Amino acid sequence: MKIALIGYGKMGKEIEKIAISRGHEINLLIDINNPGDLTIENLQKCDVAVEFTIPGSAVNNYFTCFEAGIPVVSGTTGWLDKKEEVYKKCTETNGTFFYGSNFSIGVNLFFEVNKKLAQLMAARNEYSAEMLEVHHTQKLDAPSGTAISLAEGIIKNLPQKNSWVNNKIPKESELNIKSERLGEVPGIHTVKYESEVDFLEITHSAKSRKGFAFGAVLAAEYCQKNTGILSMKNLLNI
């Protein structure tokens, strides 16, 4: 599989290592030094694009991939206010778009545990819910895309909460997501339910970026036989 790797930061470098170890080839590499090389012509020499950049450039990158007619796998977060626009463009061009707020297999299983716990807590008004997410200081968006996905899973299944806020004193109907940026932390996400007598926590803690990168390469492989708007739910058959 010939991969266009768009974004060559720490995640991009990890994806490159895993892709090559699985027998794939990086046919096009785009970073801050050569954005002009992201052309339809260059992309059409590739089988799939893997995009890990920044919110400000992600959507334009997706559109270029759609116009080139190649699938795009993206883990960039912070652009979801334009989700409907991206999905519409993907559909109009008969494209394939695989988005994940987090490509870790463990995190995606954690999403399902989070939803189930929220369902169990729906009848337990004595418990209040909150979240904590901790990432490295280079992460630009807050809360993390993973934290937002977790919050959405809670809000859909816990009637006591109808929205989320970030680092604020919440109203009773709001779920507060506390965001911290520390050192080189790859990612820690904790959901906590607390009453007057006890508290219950579930946590996913990443040891490194390797799990995220491995999942992204699996997603790229999945796009070779599957089309449309895809997610880790499809890949993991959840």
C-alpha atoms as a PDB file:
ATOM      1  CA  MET A   1       0.000   0.000   0.000  1.00  0.00           C
ATOM      2  CA  LYS A   2       1.361   3.412  -1.001  1.00  0.00           C
ATOM      3  CA  ILE A   3       0.640   5.995   1.690  1.00  0.00           C
ATOM      4  CA  ALA A   4       0.524   9.784   1.542  1.00  0.00           C
ATOM      5  CA  LEU A   5       1.516  10.888   5.043  1.00  0.00           C
ATOM      6  CA  ILE A   6       0.180  14.391   5.670  1.00  0.00           C
ATOM      7  CA  GLY A   7       1.757  15.729   8.856  1.00  0.00           C
ATOM      8  CA  TYR A   8       5.153  14.619  10.083  1.00  0.00           C
ATOM      9  CA  GLY A   9       5.176  15.455  13.755  1.00  0.00           C
ATOM     10  CA  LYS A  10       5.612  12.890  16.512  1.00  0.00           C
ATOM     11  CA  MET A  11       2.498  10.987  15.452  1.00  0.00           C
ATOM     12  CA  GLY A  12       3.461  11.087  11.784  1.00  0.00           C
ATOM     13  CA  LYS A  13       6.882   9.652  12.538  1.00  0.00           C
ATOM     14  CA  GLU A  14       5.334   6.853  14.610  1.00  0.00           C
ATOM     15  CA  ILE A  15       2.846   6.060  11.831  1.00  0.00           C
ATOM     16  CA  GLU A  16       5.706   5.916   9.340  1.00  0.00           C
ATOM     17  CA  LYS A  17       7.577   3.332  11.441  1.00  0.00           C
ATOM     18  CA  ILE A  18       4.552   1.081  11.861  1.00  0.00           C
ATOM     19  CA  ALA A  19       3.453   1.382   8.229  1.00  0.00           C
ATOM     20  CA  ILE A  20       6.896   0.372   6.967  1.00  0.00           C
ATOM     21  CA  SER A  21       7.083  -2.499   9.478  1.00  0.00           C
ATOM     22  CA  ARG A  22       3.807  -3.807   8.004  1.00  0.00           C
ATOM     23  CA  GLY A  23       5.167  -3.744   4.451  1.00  0.00           C
ATOM     24  CA  HIS A  24       3.743  -0.432   3.290  1.00  0.00           C
ATOM     25  CA  GLU A  25       5.489   2.454   1.531  1.00  0.00           C
ATOM     26  CA  ILE A  26       5.408   6.180   2.286  1.00  0.00           C
ATOM     27  CA  ASN A  27       5.009   7.485  -1.255  1.00  0.00           C
ATOM     28  CA  LEU A  28       4.314  11.138  -0.362  1.00  0.00           C
ATOM     29  CA  LEU A  29       5.335  12.937   2.823  1.00  0.00           C
ATOM     30  CA  ILE A  30       3.951  16.401   3.603  1.00  0.00           C
ATOM     31  CA  ASP A  31       5.148  18.595   6.472  1.00  0.00           C
ATOM     32  CA  ILE A  32       5.530  22.309   7.200  1.00  0.00           C
ATOM     33  CA  ASN A  33       8.437  22.511   4.755  1.00  0.00           C
ATOM     34  CA  ASN A  34       6.594  21.356   1.604  1.00  0.00           C
ATOM     35  CA  PRO A  35       2.838  22.068   1.825  1.00  0.00           C
ATOM     36  CA  GLY A  36       2.845  22.893  -1.874  1.00  0.00           C
ATOM     37  CA  ASP A  37       3.506  19.232  -2.674  1.00  0.00           C
ATOM     38  CA  LEU A  38       0.009  18.319  -1.487  1.00  0.00           C
ATOM     39  CA  THR A  39      -1.463  18.250  -4.990  1.00  0.00           C
ATOM     40  CA  ILE A  40      -4.090  16.127  -6.692  1.00  0.00           C
ATOM     41  CA  GLU A  41      -1.432  14.814  -9.063  1.00  0.00           C
ATOM     42  CA  ASN A  42       0.856  13.676  -6.237  1.00  0.00           C
ATOM     43  CA  LEU A  43      -2.006  12.183  -4.228  1.00  0.00           C
ATOM     44  CA  GLN A  44      -3.211  10.140  -7.176  1.00  0.00           C
ATOM     45  CA  LYS A  45       0.076   8.221  -7.029  1.00  0.00           C
ATOM     46  CA  CYS A  46      -0.962   6.936  -3.580  1.00  0.00           C
ATOM     47  CA  ASP A  47      -3.526   4.411  -2.355  1.00  0.00           C
ATOM     48  CA  VAL A  48      -4.534   6.252   0.820  1.00  0.00           C
ATOM     49  CA  ALA A  49      -3.744   9.429   2.750  1.00  0.00           C
ATOM     50  CA  VAL A  50      -3.136   9.479   6.504  1.00  0.00           C
ATOM     51  CA  GLU A  51      -3.643  12.972   7.896  1.00  0.00           C
ATOM     52  CA  PHE A  52      -2.454  14.168  11.330  1.00  0.00           C
ATOM     53  CA  THR A  53      -2.013  17.935  11.170  1.00  0.00           C
ATOM     54  CA  ILE A  54      -3.727  20.915  12.835  1.00  0.00           C
ATOM     55  CA  PRO A  55      -7.376  22.060  12.822  1.00  0.00           C
ATOM     56  CA  GLY A  56      -6.686  25.079  10.625  1.00  0.00           C
ATOM     57  CA  SER A  57      -5.425  23.035   7.674  1.00  0.00           C
ATOM     58  CA  ALA A  58      -7.204  19.697   8.109  1.00  0.00           C
ATOM     59  CA  VAL A  59     -10.425  20.426   6.207  1.00  0.00           C
ATOM     60  CA  ASN A  60      -8.619  21.748   3.117  1.00  0.00           C
ATOM     61  CA  ASN A  61      -6.413  18.646   3.227  1.00  0.00           C
ATOM     62  CA  TYR A  62      -9.486  16.402   3.276  1.00  0.00           C
ATOM     63  CA  PHE A  63     -11.018  18.197   0.301  1.00  0.00           C
ATOM     64  CA  THR A  64      -7.829  17.830  -1.739  1.00  0.00           C
ATOM     65  CA  CYS A  65      -7.809  14.092  -1.014  1.00  0.00           C
ATOM     66  CA  PHE A  66     -11.485  13.780  -2.001  1.00  0.00           C
ATOM     67  CA  GLU A  67     -10.779  15.590  -5.270  1.00  0.00           C
ATOM     68  CA  ALA A  68      -7.839  13.262  -5.908  1.00  0.00           C
ATOM     69  CA  GLY A  69     -10.143  10.278  -5.422  1.00  0.00           C
ATOM     70  CA  ILE A  70      -8.174   8.597  -2.632  1.00  0.00           C
ATOM     71  CA  PRO A  71      -9.366   7.567   0.846  1.00  0.00           C
ATOM     72  CA  VAL A  72      -8.275   9.758   3.741  1.00  0.00           C
ATOM     73  CA  VAL A  73      -7.713   8.633   7.330  1.00  0.00           C
ATOM     74  CA  SER A  74      -7.544  11.497   9.811  1.00  0.00           C
ATOM     75  CA  GLY A  75      -6.823  11.808  13.510  1.00  0.00           C
ATOM     76  CA  THR A  76      -6.706  15.609  13.576  1.00  0.00           C
ATOM     77  CA  THR A  77      -9.107  17.025  16.174  1.00  0.00           C
ATOM     78  CA  GLY A  78     -10.560  20.479  16.745  1.00  0.00           C
ATOM     79  CA  TRP A  79     -12.315  20.848  13.342  1.00  0.00           C
ATOM     80  CA  LEU A  80     -15.670  19.206  14.104  1.00  0.00           C
ATOM     81  CA  ASP A  81     -17.621  22.442  13.712  1.00  0.00           C
ATOM     82  CA  LYS A  82     -17.197  21.745   9.960  1.00  0.00           C
ATOM     83  CA  LYS A  83     -18.116  18.056  10.163  1.00  0.00           C
ATOM     84  CA  GLU A  84     -21.306  18.324   8.106  1.00  0.00           C
ATOM     85  CA  GLU A  85     -19.456  20.219   5.380  1.00  0.00           C
ATOM     86  CA  VAL A  86     -16.739  17.544   5.253  1.00  0.00           C
ATOM     87  CA  TYR A  87     -19.209  14.653   5.210  1.00  0.00           C
ATOM     88  CA  LYS A  88     -21.210  16.332   2.437  1.00  0.00           C
ATOM     89  CA  LYS A  89     -18.089  16.820   0.302  1.00  0.00           C
ATOM     90  CA  CYS A  90     -17.038  13.213   0.893  1.00  0.00           C
ATOM     91  CA  THR A  91     -20.451  11.942  -0.214  1.00  0.00           C
ATOM     92  CA  GLU A  92     -20.615  14.226  -3.272  1.00  0.00           C
ATOM     93  CA  THR A  93     -17.238  12.972  -4.510  1.00  0.00           C
ATOM     94  CA  ASN A  94     -17.985   9.299  -3.666  1.00  0.00           C
ATOM     95  CA  GLY A  95     -15.008   9.537  -1.348  1.00  0.00           C
ATOM     96  CA  THR A  96     -13.896   7.596   1.695  1.00  0.00           C
ATOM     97  CA  PHE A  97     -13.268   9.361   4.990  1.00  0.00           C
ATOM     98  CA  PHE A  98     -12.156   7.489   8.102  1.00  0.00           C
ATOM     99  CA  TYR A  99     -12.093   9.810  11.111  1.00  0.00           C
ATOM    100  CA  GLY A 100     -11.111   8.912  14.624  1.00  0.00           C
ATOM    101  CA  SER A 101     -10.809  11.219  17.612  1.00  0.00           C
ATOM    102  CA  ASN A 102      -8.560   8.435  18.882  1.00  0.00           C
ATOM    103  CA  PHE A 103      -7.292   5.404  16.936  1.00  0.00           C
ATOM    104  CA  SER A 104      -6.217   3.395  19.972  1.00  0.00           C
ATOM    105  CA  ILE A 105      -8.030   0.060  20.152  1.00  0.00           C
ATOM    106  CA  GLY A 106      -8.061   0.341  23.945  1.00  0.00           C
ATOM    107  CA  VAL A 107      -9.648   3.791  23.861  1.00  0.00           C
ATOM    108  CA  ASN A 108     -12.375   2.661  21.495  1.00  0.00           C
ATOM    109  CA  LEU A 109     -13.233  -0.206  23.827  1.00  0.00           C
ATOM    110  CA  PHE A 110     -13.146   2.365  26.640  1.00  0.00           C
ATOM    111  CA  PHE A 111     -15.769   4.405  24.742  1.00  0.00           C
ATOM    112  CA  GLU A 112     -18.143   1.442  24.955  1.00  0.00           C
ATOM    113  CA  VAL A 113     -17.453   0.855  28.669  1.00  0.00           C
ATOM    114  CA  ASN A 114     -18.107   4.569  29.260  1.00  0.00           C
ATOM    115  CA  LYS A 115     -21.511   4.388  27.539  1.00  0.00           C
ATOM    116  CA  LYS A 116     -22.510   1.296  29.512  1.00  0.00           C
ATOM    117  CA  LEU A 117     -21.516   2.887  32.816  1.00  0.00           C
ATOM    118  CA  ALA A 118     -23.536   6.009  31.970  1.00  0.00           C
ATOM    119  CA  GLN A 119     -26.561   3.799  31.302  1.00  0.00           C
ATOM    120  CA  LEU A 120     -26.130   2.125  34.683  1.00  0.00           C
ATOM    121  CA  MET A 121     -25.807   5.523  36.387  1.00  0.00           C
ATOM    122  CA  ALA A 122     -28.907   6.963  34.709  1.00  0.00           C
ATOM    123  CA  ALA A 123     -31.112   5.933  37.660  1.00  0.00           C
ATOM    124  CA  ARG A 124     -28.577   6.954  40.306  1.00  0.00           C
ATOM    125  CA  ASN A 125     -29.255  10.622  40.976  1.00  0.00           C
ATOM    126  CA  GLU A 126     -27.012  10.588  44.044  1.00  0.00           C
ATOM    127  CA  TYR A 127     -23.935  10.473  41.792  1.00  0.00           C
ATOM    128  CA  SER A 128     -22.495  13.444  39.930  1.00  0.00           C
ATOM    129  CA  ALA A 129     -20.279  12.984  36.870  1.00  0.00           C
ATOM    130  CA  GLU A 130     -17.144  14.773  35.720  1.00  0.00           C
ATOM    131  CA  MET A 131     -14.142  14.112  33.490  1.00  0.00           C
ATOM    132  CA  LEU A 132     -10.410  14.764  33.482  1.00  0.00           C
ATOM    133  CA  GLU A 133      -8.136  14.639  30.434  1.00  0.00           C
ATOM    134  CA  VAL A 134      -4.359  15.129  30.571  1.00  0.00           C
ATOM    135  CA  HIS A 135      -2.095  15.553  27.536  1.00  0.00           C
ATOM    136  CA  HIS A 136       1.350  16.812  26.568  1.00  0.00           C
ATOM    137  CA  THR A 137       1.970  20.551  26.390  1.00  0.00           C
ATOM    138  CA  GLN A 138       2.184  20.517  22.572  1.00  0.00           C
ATOM    139  CA  LYS A 139      -1.491  19.576  22.205  1.00  0.00           C
ATOM    140  CA  LEU A 140      -3.259  22.646  20.826  1.00  0.00           C
ATOM    141  CA  ASP A 141      -6.939  21.843  21.369  1.00  0.00           C
ATOM    142  CA  ALA A 142      -8.786  21.459  24.660  1.00  0.00           C
ATOM    143  CA  PRO A 143     -10.708  19.462  25.534  1.00  0.00           C
ATOM    144  CA  SER A 144      -9.248  16.630  23.508  1.00  0.00           C
ATOM    145  CA  GLY A 145     -11.267  15.004  20.756  1.00  0.00           C
ATOM    146  CA  THR A 146     -11.270  11.827  22.821  1.00  0.00           C
ATOM    147  CA  ALA A 147     -12.711  13.693  25.802  1.00  0.00           C
ATOM    148  CA  ILE A 148     -15.456  15.151  23.617  1.00  0.00           C
ATOM    149  CA  SER A 149     -16.313  11.667  22.314  1.00  0.00           C
ATOM    150  CA  LEU A 150     -16.493  10.386  25.894  1.00  0.00           C
ATOM    151  CA  ALA A 151     -18.663  13.352  26.914  1.00  0.00           C
ATOM    152  CA  GLU A 152     -21.049  12.713  24.025  1.00  0.00           C
ATOM    153  CA  GLY A 153     -21.310   9.078  25.107  1.00  0.00           C
ATOM    154  CA  ILE A 154     -22.243  10.191  28.616  1.00  0.00           C
ATOM    155  CA  ILE A 155     -24.727  12.856  27.538  1.00  0.00           C
ATOM    156  CA  LYS A 156     -26.590  10.423  25.248  1.00  0.00           C
ATOM    157  CA  ASN A 157     -26.988   7.889  28.057  1.00  0.00           C
ATOM    158  CA  LEU A 158     -27.178   9.965  31.259  1.00  0.00           C
ATOM    159  CA  PRO A 159     -30.372  12.075  31.416  1.00  0.00           C
ATOM    160  CA  GLN A 160     -28.908  14.259  34.180  1.00  0.00           C
ATOM    161  CA  LYS A 161     -26.475  15.827  31.695  1.00  0.00           C
ATOM    162  CA  ASN A 162     -27.382  17.604  28.451  1.00  0.00           C
ATOM    163  CA  SER A 163     -24.147  19.427  27.546  1.00  0.00           C
ATOM    164  CA  TRP A 164     -20.479  19.753  28.487  1.00  0.00           C
ATOM    165  CA  VAL A 165     -18.218  22.633  29.509  1.00  0.00           C
ATOM    166  CA  ASN A 166     -14.446  22.867  29.722  1.00  0.00           C
ATOM    167  CA  ASN A 167     -12.615  23.955  32.880  1.00  0.00           C
ATOM    168  CA  LYS A 168     -15.633  25.806  34.284  1.00  0.00           C
ATOM    169  CA  ILE A 169     -17.885  25.512  37.288  1.00  0.00           C
ATOM    170  CA  PRO A 170     -20.733  23.530  35.701  1.00  0.00           C
ATOM    171  CA  LYS A 171     -24.456  23.880  36.067  1.00  0.00           C
ATOM    172  CA  GLU A 172     -26.193  20.776  37.359  1.00  0.00           C
ATOM    173  CA  SER A 173     -27.106  19.747  33.805  1.00  0.00           C
ATOM    174  CA  GLU A 174     -23.555  20.283  32.482  1.00  0.00           C
ATOM    175  CA  LEU A 175     -20.668  17.814  32.441  1.00  0.00           C
ATOM    176  CA  ASN A 176     -17.375  19.494  33.291  1.00  0.00           C
ATOM    177  CA  ILE A 177     -14.301  18.328  31.389  1.00  0.00           C
ATOM    178  CA  LYS A 178     -11.129  19.330  33.214  1.00  0.00           C
ATOM    179  CA  SER A 179      -8.160  19.709  30.843  1.00  0.00           C
ATOM    180  CA  GLU A 180      -4.531  19.669  31.926  1.00  0.00           C
ATOM    181  CA  ARG A 181      -1.373  19.956  29.794  1.00  0.00           C
ATOM    182  CA  LEU A 182       1.695  18.377  31.370  1.00  0.00           C
ATOM    183  CA  GLY A 183       5.104  17.426  29.991  1.00  0.00           C
ATOM    184  CA  GLU A 184       5.052  14.610  27.440  1.00  0.00           C
ATOM    185  CA  VAL A 185       1.899  12.789  28.622  1.00  0.00           C
ATOM    186  CA  PRO A 186       0.499  10.841  25.586  1.00  0.00           C
ATOM    187  CA  GLY A 187      -3.041  10.882  26.958  1.00  0.00           C
ATOM    188  CA  ILE A 188      -4.989  10.082  30.134  1.00  0.00           C
ATOM    189  CA  HIS A 189      -8.794  10.148  30.269  1.00  0.00           C
ATOM    190  CA  THR A 190     -10.778   9.601  33.476  1.00  0.00           C
ATOM    191  CA  VAL A 191     -14.538   9.538  33.974  1.00  0.00           C
ATOM    192  CA  LYS A 192     -15.587   9.940  37.612  1.00  0.00           C
ATOM    193  CA  TYR A 193     -18.929   9.483  39.365  1.00  0.00           C
ATOM    194  CA  GLU A 194     -19.065  10.719  42.957  1.00  0.00           C
ATOM    195  CA  SER A 195     -21.648  10.605  45.748  1.00  0.00           C
ATOM    196  CA  GLU A 196     -21.523  11.590  49.412  1.00  0.00           C
ATOM    197  CA  VAL A 197     -20.314   8.115  50.364  1.00  0.00           C
ATOM    198  CA  ASP A 198     -18.004   6.990  47.560  1.00  0.00           C
ATOM    199  CA  PHE A 199     -16.734   7.566  44.060  1.00  0.00           C
ATOM    200  CA  LEU A 200     -16.226   5.358  41.023  1.00  0.00           C
ATOM    201  CA  GLU A 201     -13.647   6.007  38.291  1.00  0.00           C
ATOM    202  CA  ILE A 202     -12.765   4.470  34.953  1.00  0.00           C
ATOM    203  CA  THR A 203      -9.489   5.495  33.310  1.00  0.00           C
ATOM    204  CA  HIS A 204      -7.629   4.895  30.089  1.00  0.00           C
ATOM    205  CA  SER A 205      -3.950   5.812  30.170  1.00  0.00           C
ATOM    206  CA  ALA A 206      -1.791   5.597  27.046  1.00  0.00           C
ATOM    207  CA  LYS A 207       1.797   4.423  27.566  1.00  0.00           C
ATOM    208  CA  SER A 208       2.991   5.916  24.273  1.00  0.00           C
ATOM    209  CA  ARG A 209       1.801   7.097  20.853  1.00  0.00           C
ATOM    210  CA  LYS A 210       2.375   3.647  19.403  1.00  0.00           C
ATOM    211  CA  GLY A 211      -1.189   2.462  20.043  1.00  0.00           C
ATOM    212  CA  PHE A 212      -2.639   5.492  18.255  1.00  0.00           C
ATOM    213  CA  ALA A 213      -0.314   5.043  15.272  1.00  0.00           C
ATOM    214  CA  PHE A 214      -1.007   1.314  14.992  1.00  0.00           C
ATOM    215  CA  GLY A 215      -4.750   1.959  14.874  1.00  0.00           C
ATOM    216  CA  ALA A 216      -4.292   4.613  12.174  1.00  0.00           C
ATOM    217  CA  VAL A 217      -2.389   2.162   9.970  1.00  0.00           C
ATOM    218  CA  LEU A 218      -5.092  -0.478  10.534  1.00  0.00           C
ATOM    219  CA  ALA A 219      -7.648   2.150   9.448  1.00  0.00           C
ATOM    220  CA  ALA A 220      -5.666   2.852   6.260  1.00  0.00           C
ATOM    221  CA  GLU A 221      -5.631  -0.873   5.496  1.00  0.00           C
ATOM    222  CA  TYR A 222      -9.375  -1.071   6.196  1.00  0.00           C
ATOM    223  CA  CYS A 223     -10.026   1.684   3.626  1.00  0.00           C
ATOM    224  CA  GLN A 224      -8.631  -0.491   0.859  1.00  0.00           C
ATOM    225  CA  LYS A 225     -11.722  -2.703   0.975  1.00  0.00           C
ATOM    226  CA  ASN A 226     -14.338  -0.411   2.540  1.00  0.00           C
ATOM    227  CA  THR A 227     -15.739   2.914   1.366  1.00  0.00           C
ATOM    228  CA  GLY A 228     -17.817   5.847   2.586  1.00  0.00           C
ATOM    229  CA  ILE A 229     -17.746   7.552   5.968  1.00  0.00           C
ATOM    230  CA  LEU A 230     -16.017   5.172   8.368  1.00  0.00           C
ATOM    231  CA  SER A 231     -14.926   5.009  11.997  1.00  0.00           C
ATOM    232  CA  MET A 232     -13.271   2.712  14.503  1.00  0.00           C
ATOM    233  CA  LYS A 233     -16.720   1.247  15.201  1.00  0.00           C
ATOM    234  CA  ASN A 234     -16.653  -0.199  11.679  1.00  0.00           C
ATOM    235  CA  LEU A 235     -13.101  -1.460  11.954  1.00  0.00           C
ATOM    236  CA  LEU A 236     -13.677  -3.114  15.348  1.00  0.00           C
ATOM    237  CA  ASN A 237     -17.182  -4.327  14.399  1.00  0.00           C
ATOM    238  CA  ILE A 238     -18.723  -2.657  17.446  1.00  0.00           C
END
